[in-house]
C-alpha atoms as a PDB file:
ATOM      1  CA  MET A   1     246.842  80.157  75.749  1.00  0.00           C
ATOM      2  CA  ILE A   2     246.960  76.967  77.450  1.00  0.00           C
ATOM      3  CA  PRO A   3     243.013  75.775  77.619  1.00  0.00           C
ATOM      4  CA  THR A   4     241.043  75.903  81.367  1.00  0.00           C
ATOM      5  CA  PRO A   5     240.736  72.193  82.078  1.00  0.00           C
ATOM      6  CA  PRO A   6     237.005  71.333  83.571  1.00  0.00           C
ATOM      7  CA  PRO A   7     236.926  70.998  87.074  1.00  0.00           C
ATOM      8  CA  THR A   8     238.677  67.200  88.370  1.00  0.00           C
ATOM      9  CA  TYR A   9     236.670  66.832  91.714  1.00  0.00           C
ATOM     10  CA  ALA A  10     233.185  67.896  92.859  1.00  0.00           C
ATOM     11  CA  LEU A  11     233.240  71.273  94.950  1.00  0.00           C
ATOM     12  CA  ARG A  12     229.829  71.898  94.333  1.00  0.00           C
ATOM     13  CA  PRO A  13     228.641  71.341  98.286  1.00  0.00           C
ATOM     14  CA  LEU A  14     230.955  74.127  99.040  1.00  0.00           C
ATOM     15  CA  LYS A  15     230.927  76.406  96.465  1.00  0.00           C
ATOM     16  CA  ASP A  16     230.938  79.355  99.242  1.00  0.00           C
ATOM     17  CA  LEU A  17     232.810  78.506 101.758  1.00  0.00           C
ATOM     18  CA  THR A  18     235.388  80.837 101.877  1.00  0.00           C
ATOM     19  CA  ASP A  19     232.486  84.082 101.668  1.00  0.00           C
ATOM     20  CA  SER A  20     232.475  83.942 105.246  1.00  0.00           C
ATOM     21  CA  SER A  21     235.151  86.347 106.299  1.00  0.00           C
ATOM     22  CA  THR A  22     235.755  84.714 109.278  1.00  0.00           C
ATOM     23  CA  LEU A  23     235.889  81.468 108.234  1.00  0.00           C
ATOM     24  CA  SER A  24     238.550  83.169 105.689  1.00  0.00           C
ATOM     25  CA  GLU A  25     240.932  84.259 108.474  1.00  0.00           C
ATOM     26  CA  ALA A  26     240.882  81.915 110.455  1.00  0.00           C
ATOM     27  CA  LEU A  27     242.385  79.864 106.979  1.00  0.00           C
ATOM     28  CA  ARG A  28     245.292  82.177 107.829  1.00  0.00           C
ATOM     29  CA  TYR A  29     246.026  81.130 110.619  1.00  0.00           C
ATOM     30  CA  GLY A  30     250.454  80.554 111.010  1.00  0.00           C
ATOM     31  CA  LEU A  31     250.810  81.896 107.438  1.00  0.00           C
ATOM     32  CA  ASP A  32     252.244  84.876 109.214  1.00  0.00           C
ATOM     33  CA  SER A  33     254.524  82.641 111.976  1.00  0.00           C
ATOM     34  CA  PRO A  34     258.437  83.929 112.130  1.00  0.00           C
ATOM     35  CA  ALA A  35     261.167  82.434 109.929  1.00  0.00           C
ATOM     36  CA  THR A  36     264.857  82.108 110.903  1.00  0.00           C
ATOM     37  CA  PRO A  37     267.538  83.975 109.791  1.00  0.00           C
ATOM     38  CA  GLU A  38     268.692  81.587 107.693  1.00  0.00           C
ATOM     39  CA  THR A  39     265.586  81.359 105.676  1.00  0.00           C
ATOM     40  CA  LEU A  40     265.224  85.088 105.140  1.00  0.00           C
ATOM     41  CA  ARG A  41     269.093  84.932 104.122  1.00  0.00           C
ATOM     42  CA  LEU A  42     268.103  82.718 101.090  1.00  0.00           C
ATOM     43  CA  VAL A  43     264.448  84.731 100.942  1.00  0.00           C
ATOM     44  CA  ASP A  44     266.256  87.535  99.783  1.00  0.00           C
ATOM     45  CA  TYR A  45     268.428  85.857  97.829  1.00  0.00           C
ATOM     46  CA  VAL A  46     265.558  83.768  95.768  1.00  0.00           C
ATOM     47  CA  VAL A  47     264.162  87.561  94.926  1.00  0.00           C
ATOM     48  CA  LYS A  48     267.070  88.850  93.232  1.00  0.00           C
ATOM     49  CA  VAL A  49     267.926  86.217  91.270  1.00  0.00           C
ATOM     50  CA  PHE A  50     264.594  85.679  89.899  1.00  0.00           C
ATOM     51  CA  GLY A  51     264.621  89.527  89.486  1.00  0.00           C
ATOM     52  CA  THR A  52     261.708  91.909  89.570  1.00  0.00           C
ATOM     53  CA  SER A  53     259.481  89.750  88.195  1.00  0.00           C
ATOM     54  CA  THR A  54     259.058  87.417  91.331  1.00  0.00           C
ATOM     55  CA  VAL A  55     255.766  88.091  93.579  1.00  0.00           C
ATOM     56  CA  ALA A  56     255.879  86.233  96.915  1.00  0.00           C
ATOM     57  CA  VAL A  57     258.157  83.127  98.433  1.00  0.00           C
ATOM     58  CA  ILE A  58     256.181  80.679 100.082  1.00  0.00           C
ATOM     59  CA  HIS A  59     258.455  78.613 102.416  1.00  0.00           C
ATOM     60  CA  TYR A  60     257.117  75.216 102.907  1.00  0.00           C
ATOM     61  CA  GLY A  61     258.559  71.755 104.072  1.00  0.00           C
ATOM     62  CA  SER A  62     260.566  70.545 106.982  1.00  0.00           C
ATOM     63  CA  HIS A  63     262.553  73.591 107.735  1.00  0.00           C
ATOM     64  CA  ALA A  64     258.894  75.838 107.989  1.00  0.00           C
ATOM     65  CA  GLN A  65     257.488  72.560 109.814  1.00  0.00           C
ATOM     66  CA  LYS A  66     260.238  71.681 111.462  1.00  0.00           C
ATOM     67  CA  SER A  67     260.022  68.626 111.137  1.00  0.00           C
ATOM     68  CA  GLY A  68     263.612  66.975 111.229  1.00  0.00           C
ATOM     69  CA  ALA A  69     265.155  68.582 108.736  1.00  0.00           C
ATOM     70  CA  ARG A  70     268.783  68.940 108.521  1.00  0.00           C
ATOM     71  CA  PRO A  71     270.904  72.080 108.892  1.00  0.00           C
ATOM     72  CA  GLU A  72     272.906  70.526 105.171  1.00  0.00           C
ATOM     73  CA  SER A  73     268.935  69.980 104.061  1.00  0.00           C
ATOM     74  CA  ALA A  74     267.252  72.729 101.627  1.00  0.00           C
ATOM     75  CA  TYR A  75     264.998  74.791 101.784  1.00  0.00           C
ATOM     76  CA  ASP A  76     261.549  74.405  99.866  1.00  0.00           C
ATOM     77  CA  PHE A  77     260.063  77.097  98.687  1.00  0.00           C
ATOM     78  CA  PHE A  78     257.270  78.496  96.222  1.00  0.00           C
ATOM     79  CA  VAL A  79     258.036  81.062  93.903  1.00  0.00           C
ATOM     80  CA  ILE A  80     255.368  83.464  92.705  1.00  0.00           C
ATOM     81  CA  VAL A  81     255.921  84.887  89.603  1.00  0.00           C
ATOM     82  CA  ASP A  82     254.614  87.106  86.978  1.00  0.00           C
ATOM     83  CA  ARG A  83     255.817  85.506  83.890  1.00  0.00           C
ATOM     84  CA  TYR A  84     257.702  82.822  83.342  1.00  0.00           C
ATOM     85  CA  ALA A  85     260.494  84.182  80.561  1.00  0.00           C
ATOM     86  CA  PRO A  86     261.548  87.339  82.715  1.00  0.00           C
ATOM     87  CA  ALA A  87     261.873  85.569  85.449  1.00  0.00           C
ATOM     88  CA  TYR A  88     264.311  82.213  84.331  1.00  0.00           C
ATOM     89  CA  ARG A  89     266.559  85.399  81.936  1.00  0.00           C
ATOM     90  CA  SER A  90     267.230  86.769  85.623  1.00  0.00           C
ATOM     91  CA  PHE A  91     267.683  82.865  86.799  1.00  0.00           C
ATOM     92  CA  ARG A  92     269.965  81.666  84.678  1.00  0.00           C
ATOM     93  CA  ALA A  93     271.812  85.787  84.295  1.00  0.00           C
ATOM     94  CA  ALA A  94     272.576  85.375  88.329  1.00  0.00           C
ATOM     95  CA  THR A  95     272.925  81.331  88.762  1.00  0.00           C
ATOM     96  CA  GLY A  96     274.944  80.167  85.062  1.00  0.00           C
ATOM     97  CA  PRO A  97     272.406  76.547  85.694  1.00  0.00           C
ATOM     98  CA  GLY A  98     272.839  73.342  83.421  1.00  0.00           C
ATOM     99  CA  PHE A  99     269.832  74.048  81.212  1.00  0.00           C
ATOM    100  CA  ARG A 100     268.415  76.961  78.912  1.00  0.00           C
ATOM    101  CA  ALA A 101     265.697  79.149  79.835  1.00  0.00           C
ATOM    102  CA  SER A 102     263.875  78.448  76.971  1.00  0.00           C
ATOM    103  CA  THR A 103     263.639  75.681  78.290  1.00  0.00           C
ATOM    104  CA  ALA A 104     262.852  76.244  81.331  1.00  0.00           C
ATOM    105  CA  ILE A 105     259.935  78.723  79.991  1.00  0.00           C
ATOM    106  CA  ILE A 106     258.122  75.589  77.775  1.00  0.00           C
ATOM    107  CA  LEU A 107     258.585  73.091  80.826  1.00  0.00           C
ATOM    108  CA  ALA A 108     256.914  75.556  82.948  1.00  0.00           C
ATOM    109  CA  ARG A 109     254.155  75.891  80.505  1.00  0.00           C
ATOM    110  CA  ILE A 110     253.804  72.564  79.927  1.00  0.00           C
ATOM    111  CA  LEU A 111     254.148  71.255  83.723  1.00  0.00           C
ATOM    112  CA  PRO A 112     254.317  73.669  86.384  1.00  0.00           C
ATOM    113  CA  PRO A 113     255.690  73.619  88.405  1.00  0.00           C
ATOM    114  CA  ASN A 114     259.844  73.537  87.465  1.00  0.00           C
ATOM    115  CA  VAL A 115     262.224  72.931  90.653  1.00  0.00           C
ATOM    116  CA  VAL A 116     265.686  74.524  90.265  1.00  0.00           C
ATOM    117  CA  ARG A 117     268.217  74.949  93.294  1.00  0.00           C
ATOM    118  CA  ILE A 118     269.910  77.521  94.322  1.00  0.00           C
ATOM    119  CA  ALA A 119     272.858  77.963  96.606  1.00  0.00           C
ATOM    120  CA  LEU A 120     274.029  81.141  98.845  1.00  0.00           C
ATOM    121  CA  PRO A 121     277.540  82.178  97.207  1.00  0.00           C
ATOM    122  CA  ASP A 122     279.568  81.262 100.545  1.00  0.00           C
ATOM    123  CA  GLN A 123     277.739  79.749 102.797  1.00  0.00           C
ATOM    124  CA  PRO A 124     276.247  76.240 103.258  1.00  0.00           C
ATOM    125  CA  LEU A 125     272.876  77.135 102.291  1.00  0.00           C
ATOM    126  CA  GLN A 126     270.721  76.253  99.874  1.00  0.00           C
ATOM    127  CA  GLY A 127     267.352  76.361  98.370  1.00  0.00           C
ATOM    128  CA  LYS A 128     264.876  74.262  96.589  1.00  0.00           C
ATOM    129  CA  CYS A 129     262.737  76.958  94.423  1.00  0.00           C
ATOM    130  CA  ALA A 130     259.431  75.324  93.132  1.00  0.00           C
ATOM    131  CA  VAL A 131     258.045  77.873  89.942  1.00  0.00           C
ATOM    132  CA  LEU A 132     255.107  79.151  89.904  1.00  0.00           C
ATOM    133  CA  SER A 133     253.656  81.946  87.547  1.00  0.00           C
ATOM    134  CA  LEU A 134     250.978  83.351  89.323  1.00  0.00           C
ATOM    135  CA  ALA A 135     248.260  82.767  87.421  1.00  0.00           C
ATOM    136  CA  HIS A 136     249.127  78.992  87.782  1.00  0.00           C
ATOM    137  CA  LEU A 137     249.414  79.158  91.173  1.00  0.00           C
ATOM    138  CA  GLU A 138     245.717  80.677  90.422  1.00  0.00           C
ATOM    139  CA  ARG A 139     244.937  77.262  88.695  1.00  0.00           C
ATOM    140  CA  LEU A 140     246.675  75.285  90.661  1.00  0.00           C
ATOM    141  CA  THR A 141     244.499  76.186  93.727  1.00  0.00           C
ATOM    142  CA  SER A 142     240.948  75.483  92.428  1.00  0.00           C
ATOM    143  CA  PRO A 143     239.072  72.731  91.146  1.00  0.00           C
ATOM    144  CA  ARG A 144     240.405  72.836  88.020  1.00  0.00           C
ATOM    145  CA  SER A 145     243.844  72.040  89.152  1.00  0.00           C
ATOM    146  CA  LEU A 146     244.774  68.801  87.350  1.00  0.00           C
ATOM    147  CA  ASP A 147     247.033  67.343  89.048  1.00  0.00           C
ATOM    148  CA  HIS A 148     247.719  67.164  93.977  1.00  0.00           C
ATOM    149  CA  PHE A 149     251.948  68.395  93.473  1.00  0.00           C
ATOM    150  CA  THR A 150     250.504  72.086  94.261  1.00  0.00           C
ATOM    151  CA  GLN A 151     248.118  71.742  96.756  1.00  0.00           C
ATOM    152  CA  GLY A 152     249.566  68.323  98.683  1.00  0.00           C
ATOM    153  CA  ARG A 153     252.253  70.840 100.033  1.00  0.00           C
ATOM    154  CA  LEU A 154     250.453  73.832 101.002  1.00  0.00           C
ATOM    155  CA  PHE A 155     247.699  72.411 103.084  1.00  0.00           C
ATOM    156  CA  GLN A 156     250.908  71.886 105.669  1.00  0.00           C
ATOM    157  CA  HIS A 157     251.886  74.744 107.705  1.00  0.00           C
ATOM    158  CA  VAL A 158     253.623  77.272 105.346  1.00  0.00           C
ATOM    159  CA  GLN A 159     255.344  80.544 106.034  1.00  0.00           C
ATOM    160  CA  LEU A 160     254.536  83.361 103.031  1.00  0.00           C
ATOM    161  CA  VAL A 161     257.982  84.955 104.692  1.00  0.00           C
ATOM    162  CA  TRP A 162     257.569  87.168 101.118  1.00  0.00           C
ATOM    163  CA  THR A 163     255.516  89.302  98.640  1.00  0.00           C
ATOM    164  CA  ARG A 164     256.390  92.177  96.697  1.00  0.00           C
ATOM    165  CA  ASP A 165     253.206  94.420  97.542  1.00  0.00           C
ATOM    166  CA  THR A 166     249.855  94.443  99.067  1.00  0.00           C
ATOM    167  CA  GLU A 167     247.959  93.200  95.980  1.00  0.00           C
ATOM    168  CA  SER A 168     250.423  90.652  95.445  1.00  0.00           C
ATOM    169  CA  ARG A 169     250.381  89.798  99.331  1.00  0.00           C
ATOM    170  CA  SER A 170     246.245  89.106  99.309  1.00  0.00           C
ATOM    171  CA  ALA A 171     245.854  87.229  96.109  1.00  0.00           C
ATOM    172  CA  VAL A 172     248.480  84.646  97.270  1.00  0.00           C
ATOM    173  CA  LEU A 173     246.819  84.626 100.874  1.00  0.00           C
ATOM    174  CA  ALA A 174     243.469  83.701  98.625  1.00  0.00           C
ATOM    175  CA  ALA A 175     244.744  80.871  97.244  1.00  0.00           C
ATOM    176  CA  LEU A 176     246.513  79.593 100.316  1.00  0.00           C
ATOM    177  CA  VAL A 177     243.457  80.060 101.806  1.00  0.00           C
ATOM    178  CA  ARG A 178     241.569  78.469  99.601  1.00  0.00           C
ATOM    179  CA  VAL A 179     243.928  74.904  99.374  1.00  0.00           C
ATOM    180  CA  ARG A 180     242.632  74.631 102.975  1.00  0.00           C
ATOM    181  CA  ALA A 181     239.289  75.294 102.384  1.00  0.00           C
ATOM    182  CA  ALA A 182     239.118  72.770  99.784  1.00  0.00           C
ATOM    183  CA  THR A 183     240.699  69.911 102.007  1.00  0.00           C
ATOM    184  CA  PHE A 184     237.285  68.476 102.939  1.00  0.00           C
ATOM    185  CA  ALA A 185     236.658  68.020  98.919  1.00  0.00           C
ATOM    186  CA  TRP A 186     239.293  66.124  97.733  1.00  0.00           C
ATOM    187  CA  GLY A 187     239.798  64.362 101.506  1.00  0.00           C
ATOM    188  CA  ARG A 188     236.343  63.410 102.166  1.00  0.00           C
ATOM    189  CA  PRO A 189     236.685  59.716 100.822  1.00  0.00           C
ATOM    190  CA  TYR A 190     238.879  58.273 102.463  1.00  0.00           C
ATOM    191  CA  LEU A 191     237.878  60.085 106.636  1.00  0.00           C
ATOM    192  CA  PRO A 192     237.198  57.727 108.764  1.00  0.00           C
ATOM    193  CA  LYS A 193     232.914  57.094 109.717  1.00  0.00           C
ATOM    194  CA  GLU A 194     233.785  58.681 112.430  1.00  0.00           C
ATOM    195  CA  PHE A 195     236.927  61.608 113.003  1.00  0.00           C
ATOM    196  CA  ASP A 196     238.384  64.331 114.802  1.00  0.00           C
ATOM    197  CA  VAL A 197     240.542  67.026 113.530  1.00  0.00           C
ATOM    198  CA  GLU A 198     243.542  65.505 113.244  1.00  0.00           C
ATOM    199  CA  SER A 199     242.356  61.647 112.611  1.00  0.00           C
ATOM    200  CA  TYR A 200     241.065  64.195 109.929  1.00  0.00           C
ATOM    201  CA  PHE A 201     244.582  65.604 108.951  1.00  0.00           C
ATOM    202  CA  ARG A 202     246.139  62.716 109.256  1.00  0.00           C
ATOM    203  CA  ALA A 203     243.869  61.322 106.383  1.00  0.00           C
ATOM    204  CA  LEU A 204     244.786  64.619 104.394  1.00  0.00           C
ATOM    205  CA  LEU A 205     248.399  63.974 104.754  1.00  0.00           C
ATOM    206  CA  GLU A 206     247.806  59.861 103.542  1.00  0.00           C
ATOM    207  CA  THR A 207     246.574  60.790 101.051  1.00  0.00           C
ATOM    208  CA  SER A 208     248.636  62.875  99.502  1.00  0.00           C
ATOM    209  CA  PHE A 209     251.626  60.863 100.282  1.00  0.00           C
ATOM    210  CA  ALA A 210     249.521  58.394  98.572  1.00  0.00           C
ATOM    211  CA  ALA A 211     249.539  60.516  95.355  1.00  0.00           C
ATOM    212  CA  GLU A 212     252.927  60.603  94.363  1.00  0.00           C
ATOM    213  CA  ILE A 213     256.054  58.018  94.477  1.00  0.00           C
ATOM    214  CA  ARG A 214     258.062  59.766  97.437  1.00  0.00           C
ATOM    215  CA  PRO A 215     261.046  57.825  99.472  1.00  0.00           C
ATOM    216  CA  GLU A 216     259.573  58.559 103.578  1.00  0.00           C
ATOM    217  CA  ALA A 217     259.766  55.579 105.813  1.00  0.00           C
ATOM    218  CA  ASN A 218     256.730  54.924 108.045  1.00  0.00           C
ATOM    219  CA  ASP A 219     256.822  57.048 110.541  1.00  0.00           C
ATOM    220  CA  ARG A 220     257.029  60.542 108.494  1.00  0.00           C
ATOM    221  CA  VAL A 221     253.132  61.116 109.063  1.00  0.00           C
ATOM    222  CA  PRO A 222     253.406  60.571 112.160  1.00  0.00           C
ATOM    223  CA  GLN A 223     255.924  63.085 112.769  1.00  0.00           C
ATOM    224  CA  LEU A 224     254.826  65.953 110.680  1.00  0.00           C
ATOM    225  CA  LEU A 225     251.293  65.577 112.872  1.00  0.00           C
ATOM    226  CA  ALA A 226     253.360  66.374 116.013  1.00  0.00           C
ATOM    227  CA  ALA A 227     255.373  68.851 113.986  1.00  0.00           C
ATOM    228  CA  GLN A 228     251.975  70.634 112.535  1.00  0.00           C
ATOM    229  CA  GLY A 229     249.499  70.330 115.036  1.00  0.00           C
ATOM    230  CA  ASN A 230     249.792  73.580 116.866  1.00  0.00           C
ATOM    231  CA  THR A 231     248.957  75.326 114.001  1.00  0.00           C
ATOM    232  CA  MET A 232     247.089  73.048 111.480  1.00  0.00           C
ATOM    233  CA  ILE A 233     244.656  71.946 114.480  1.00  0.00           C
ATOM    234  CA  PRO A 234     243.512  74.368 114.856  1.00  0.00           C
ATOM    235  CA  VAL A 235     242.755  75.362 111.491  1.00  0.00           C
ATOM    236  CA  TYR A 236     241.349  72.282 110.990  1.00  0.00           C
ATOM    237  CA  THR A 237     239.145  73.470 114.100  1.00  0.00           C
ATOM    238  CA  GLU A 238     237.653  75.772 112.283  1.00  0.00           C
ATOM    239  CA  LEU A 239     236.895  74.654 108.859  1.00  0.00           C
ATOM    240  CA  LEU A 240     234.856  71.489 110.447  1.00  0.00           C
ATOM    241  CA  GLN A 241     233.434  73.652 112.694  1.00  0.00           C
ATOM    242  CA  TYR A 242     232.264  75.329 109.928  1.00  0.00           C
ATOM    243  CA  LEU A 243     230.987  72.701 108.183  1.00  0.00           C
ATOM    244  CA  VAL A 244     229.172  71.617 111.000  1.00  0.00           C
ATOM    245  CA  ALA A 245     227.387  74.669 110.899  1.00  0.00           C
ATOM    246  CA  THR A 246     226.583  75.153 106.902  1.00  0.00           C
ATOM    247  CA  SER A 247     224.911  71.309 107.823  1.00  0.00           C
ATOM    248  CA  ILE A 248     227.680  69.251 106.181  1.00  0.00           C
ATOM    249  CA  LEU A 249     228.782  67.387 108.781  1.00  0.00           C
ATOM    250  CA  ALA A 250     227.357  65.973 112.500  1.00  0.00           C
ATOM    251  CA  GLN A 251     228.715  66.735 115.376  1.00  0.00           C
ATOM    252  CA  ALA A 252     229.506  64.695 118.572  1.00  0.00           C
ATOM    253  CA  GLY A 253     232.014  66.326 121.235  1.00  0.00           C
ATOM    254  CA  LYS A 254     234.979  65.965 119.174  1.00  0.00           C
ATOM    255  CA  VAL A 255     233.521  63.352 116.965  1.00  0.00           C
ATOM    256  CA  TYR A 256     232.420  64.342 112.980  1.00  0.00           C
ATOM    257  CA  SER A 257     230.527  62.664 110.685  1.00  0.00           C
ATOM    258  CA  GLN A 258     229.646  63.032 107.209  1.00  0.00           C
ATOM    259  CA  ILE A 259     225.879  64.353 107.099  1.00  0.00           C
ATOM    260  CA  HIS A 260     225.565  63.224 102.696  1.00  0.00           C
ATOM    261  CA  HIS A 261     228.020  61.041 100.889  1.00  0.00           C
ATOM    262  CA  LEU A 262     229.448  61.729  97.922  1.00  0.00           C
ATOM    263  CA  SER A 263     227.966  60.181  94.783  1.00  0.00           C
ATOM    264  CA  ARG A 264     229.416  57.516  92.818  1.00  0.00           C
ATOM    265  CA  MET A 265     230.665  59.833  90.113  1.00  0.00           C
ATOM    266  CA  ASP A 266     232.112  61.752  92.366  1.00  0.00           C
ATOM    267  CA  ARG A 267     234.159  59.300  94.041  1.00  0.00           C
ATOM    268  CA  LEU A 268     235.135  58.805  90.440  1.00  0.00           C
ATOM    269  CA  ARG A 269     236.283  61.842  89.604  1.00  0.00           C
ATOM    270  CA  ILE A 270     238.474  62.677  92.690  1.00  0.00           C
ATOM    271  CA  ARG A 271     239.966  58.052  91.990  1.00  0.00           C
ATOM    272  CA  LEU A 272     240.788  59.512  88.907  1.00  0.00           C
ATOM    273  CA  TYR A 273     241.654  62.954  90.606  1.00  0.00           C
ATOM    274  CA  PHE A 274     244.918  60.720  92.291  1.00  0.00           C
ATOM    275  CA  LYS A 275     245.630  58.897  89.471  1.00  0.00           C
ATOM    276  CA  ARG A 276     246.255  61.304  86.470  1.00  0.00           C
ATOM    277  CA  SER A 277     247.823  63.370  89.829  1.00  0.00           C
ATOM    278  CA  LYS A 278     250.664  60.660  90.436  1.00  0.00           C
ATOM    279  CA  ALA A 279     251.374  60.104  87.133  1.00  0.00           C
ATOM    280  CA  ARG A 280     252.057  63.879  86.392  1.00  0.00           C
ATOM    281  CA  ALA A 281     253.987  63.600  89.582  1.00  0.00           C
ATOM    282  CA  THR A 282     256.130  60.690  88.053  1.00  0.00           C
ATOM    283  CA  PHE A 283     256.893  62.614  84.441  1.00  0.00           C
ATOM    284  CA  ARG A 284     257.730  65.442  86.853  1.00  0.00           C
ATOM    285  CA  TRP A 285     261.342  63.103  87.981  1.00  0.00           C
ATOM    286  CA  LEU A 286     261.753  63.361  84.076  1.00  0.00           C
ATOM    287  CA  LYS A 287     261.667  67.080  84.774  1.00  0.00           C
ATOM    288  CA  HIS A 288     263.804  67.284  88.152  1.00  0.00           C
ATOM    289  CA  ILE A 289     266.748  65.556  86.000  1.00  0.00           C
ATOM    290  CA  ALA A 290     266.767  67.732  83.624  1.00  0.00           C
ATOM    291  CA  LEU A 291     266.331  71.437  85.739  1.00  0.00           C
ATOM    292  CA  TYR A 292     267.847  70.556  89.608  1.00  0.00           C
ATOM    293  CA  ASP A 293     271.860  71.082  89.753  1.00  0.00           C
ATOM    294  CA  ASN A 294     273.141  67.869  91.395  1.00  0.00           C
ATOM    295  CA  TRP A 295     270.820  65.959  90.846  1.00  0.00           C
ATOM    296  CA  LEU A 296     271.353  62.706  91.769  1.00  0.00           C
ATOM    297  CA  GLU A 297     273.362  64.036  95.101  1.00  0.00           C
ATOM    298  CA  TYR A 298     269.661  65.249  95.887  1.00  0.00           C
ATOM    299  CA  ILE A 299     267.864  62.327  95.781  1.00  0.00           C
ATOM    300  CA  VAL A 300     271.017  59.689  96.942  1.00  0.00           C
ATOM    301  CA  GLN A 301     270.686  62.009  99.848  1.00  0.00           C
ATOM    302  CA  LYS A 302     267.205  62.157 100.363  1.00  0.00           C
ATOM    303  CA  ILE A 303     266.792  58.716 100.069  1.00  0.00           C
ATOM    304  CA  ALA A 304     268.725  58.654 103.241  1.00  0.00           C
ATOM    305  CA  ARG A 305     267.694  60.980 104.782  1.00  0.00           C
ATOM    306  CA  ARG A 306     264.075  60.035 104.625  1.00  0.00           C
ATOM    307  CA  ALA A 307     263.990  56.231 103.674  1.00  0.00           C
ATOM    308  CA  GLY A 308     266.699  55.691 106.377  1.00  0.00           C
ATOM    309  CA  GLN A 309     268.940  53.922 103.506  1.00  0.00           C
ATOM    310  CA  ASN A 310     272.584  54.684 102.213  1.00  0.00           C
ATOM    311  CA  ILE A 311     273.018  54.152  98.909  1.00  0.00           C
ATOM    312  CA  GLU A 312     276.528  53.612  97.540  1.00  0.00           C
ATOM    313  CA  LEU A 313     276.388  54.476  94.014  1.00  0.00           C
ATOM    314  CA  THR A 314     279.080  52.592  91.462  1.00  0.00           C
ATOM    315  CA  PRO A 315     281.223  54.711  89.218  1.00  0.00           C
ATOM    316  CA  LEU A 316     278.860  53.341  85.970  1.00  0.00           C
ATOM    317  CA  GLU A 317     275.886  54.445  88.191  1.00  0.00           C
ATOM    318  CA  LYS A 318     276.853  58.131  88.983  1.00  0.00           C
ATOM    319  CA  ARG A 319     278.991  58.829  85.403  1.00  0.00           C
ATOM    320  CA  TRP A 320     275.622  57.403  82.938  1.00  0.00           C
ATOM    321  CA  PRO A 321     273.097  57.232  86.020  1.00  0.00           C
ATOM    322  CA  LEU A 322     270.121  57.932  83.291  1.00  0.00           C
ATOM    323  CA  LEU A 323     271.475  54.426  82.460  1.00  0.00           C
ATOM    324  CA  PHE A 324     272.431  52.643  85.104  1.00  0.00           C
ATOM    325  CA  LEU A 325     270.490  53.189  87.621  1.00  0.00           C
ATOM    326  CA  TRP A 326     267.165  52.267  86.781  1.00  0.00           C
ATOM    327  CA  PRO A 327     267.367  49.024  88.167  1.00  0.00           C
ATOM    328  CA  ARG A 328     268.481  50.352  91.658  1.00  0.00           C
ATOM    329  CA  ALA A 329     265.950  52.849  91.272  1.00  0.00           C
ATOM    330  CA  ILE A 330     262.713  50.723  90.139  1.00  0.00           C
ATOM    331  CA  ARG A 331     263.888  47.888  92.777  1.00  0.00           C
ATOM    332  CA  PHE A 332     264.030  50.380  95.488  1.00  0.00           C
ATOM    333  CA  LEU A 333     260.226  51.369  94.928  1.00  0.00           C
ATOM    334  CA  ILE A 334     259.348  47.805  94.841  1.00  0.00           C
ATOM    335  CA  SER A 335     261.012  47.681  98.657  1.00  0.00           C
ATOM    336  CA  ARG A 336     260.768  50.276  99.982  1.00  0.00           C
ATOM    337  CA  PRO A 337     258.690  50.494 103.153  1.00  0.00           C
ATOM    338  CA  GLN A 338     254.832  51.428 102.726  1.00  0.00           C
ATOM    339  CA  ARG A 339     253.188  54.253 104.214  1.00  0.00           C
ATOM    340  CA  GLN A 340     250.170  53.478 106.240  1.00  0.00           C
ATOM    341  CA  ALA A 341     248.389  55.744 103.656  1.00  0.00           C
ATOM    342  CA  ARG A 342     244.347  54.886 102.329  1.00  0.00           C
ATOM    343  CA  GLN A 343     244.087  52.415  98.918  1.00  0.00           C
ATOM    344  CA  HIS A 344     242.802  54.718  96.555  1.00  0.00           C
ATOM    345  CA  ASP A 345     241.396  51.957  94.717  1.00  0.00           C
ATOM    346  CA  ALA A 346     238.936  50.956  97.705  1.00  0.00           C
ATOM    347  CA  LEU A 347     237.079  54.149  96.048  1.00  0.00           C
END
């Protein structure tokens, strides 16, 4: 059994945040927004592929947000399961991926979530599934999370598109509300001295992007702000209003400011949290290579779509990518456009 780690960032001022039933209900806004028919067809297949262990499916990413997704791009899902073993055995039996179920089970317990690919038979629809046990979902959406991968995706607009039963729905909804409520805890060091709701959400996006190595262009954050504003601005307006009512923030019109400043120790905790998160995100790329079918094609398409750079692979890079592609990958990461993200080292 994996030991429970200590909290990685301070939530002490907000420990009773979700005790407010009114706020909790407000933070659920948008989670039940309708999904497209294409999304629902993929979800039905996802549930079938992972079998009876499937607890819930959360739709996130560009298709859910309508933030510039192309028809051929993969749909992004968090697939929540009871236990990894039956889920991956069912997945392997249904899809026959290029890895053993035992490999996926071990990697899921070491560094959750695993990300695997599914493709709808005889249709040009594919899904990118981040698979988490319910126990890991609860941990990774709490102050005890060791990295930002899960929270960095779920604090944005997502759709809870399928749940197994009422109990499952309640557990997953609680996790999603917890993620939105916790944004102030990890985002507050990166907020301007004075901010409105939009600049609050912008700071969250920029901070989360800076916590990973991602092939995104400079205009990605403004694009996400525009695409998600109708959902997330009302959500975070309610959160900031609650923080004002509980004397954590001050308000002057539409402008907010922090009443209390973080201690040096809390700043250090948050800084270390994001540094560790970036390191773990880098290791996840190695897992993607082991578990994600057609990973090389996916990465090349992702770079072309998000960074605007078309990459033509040489025959050697296609045949032995792990040996010959690294120099080009390093050059790309060094030369890629820098996002307008806040520098965590400035804490």
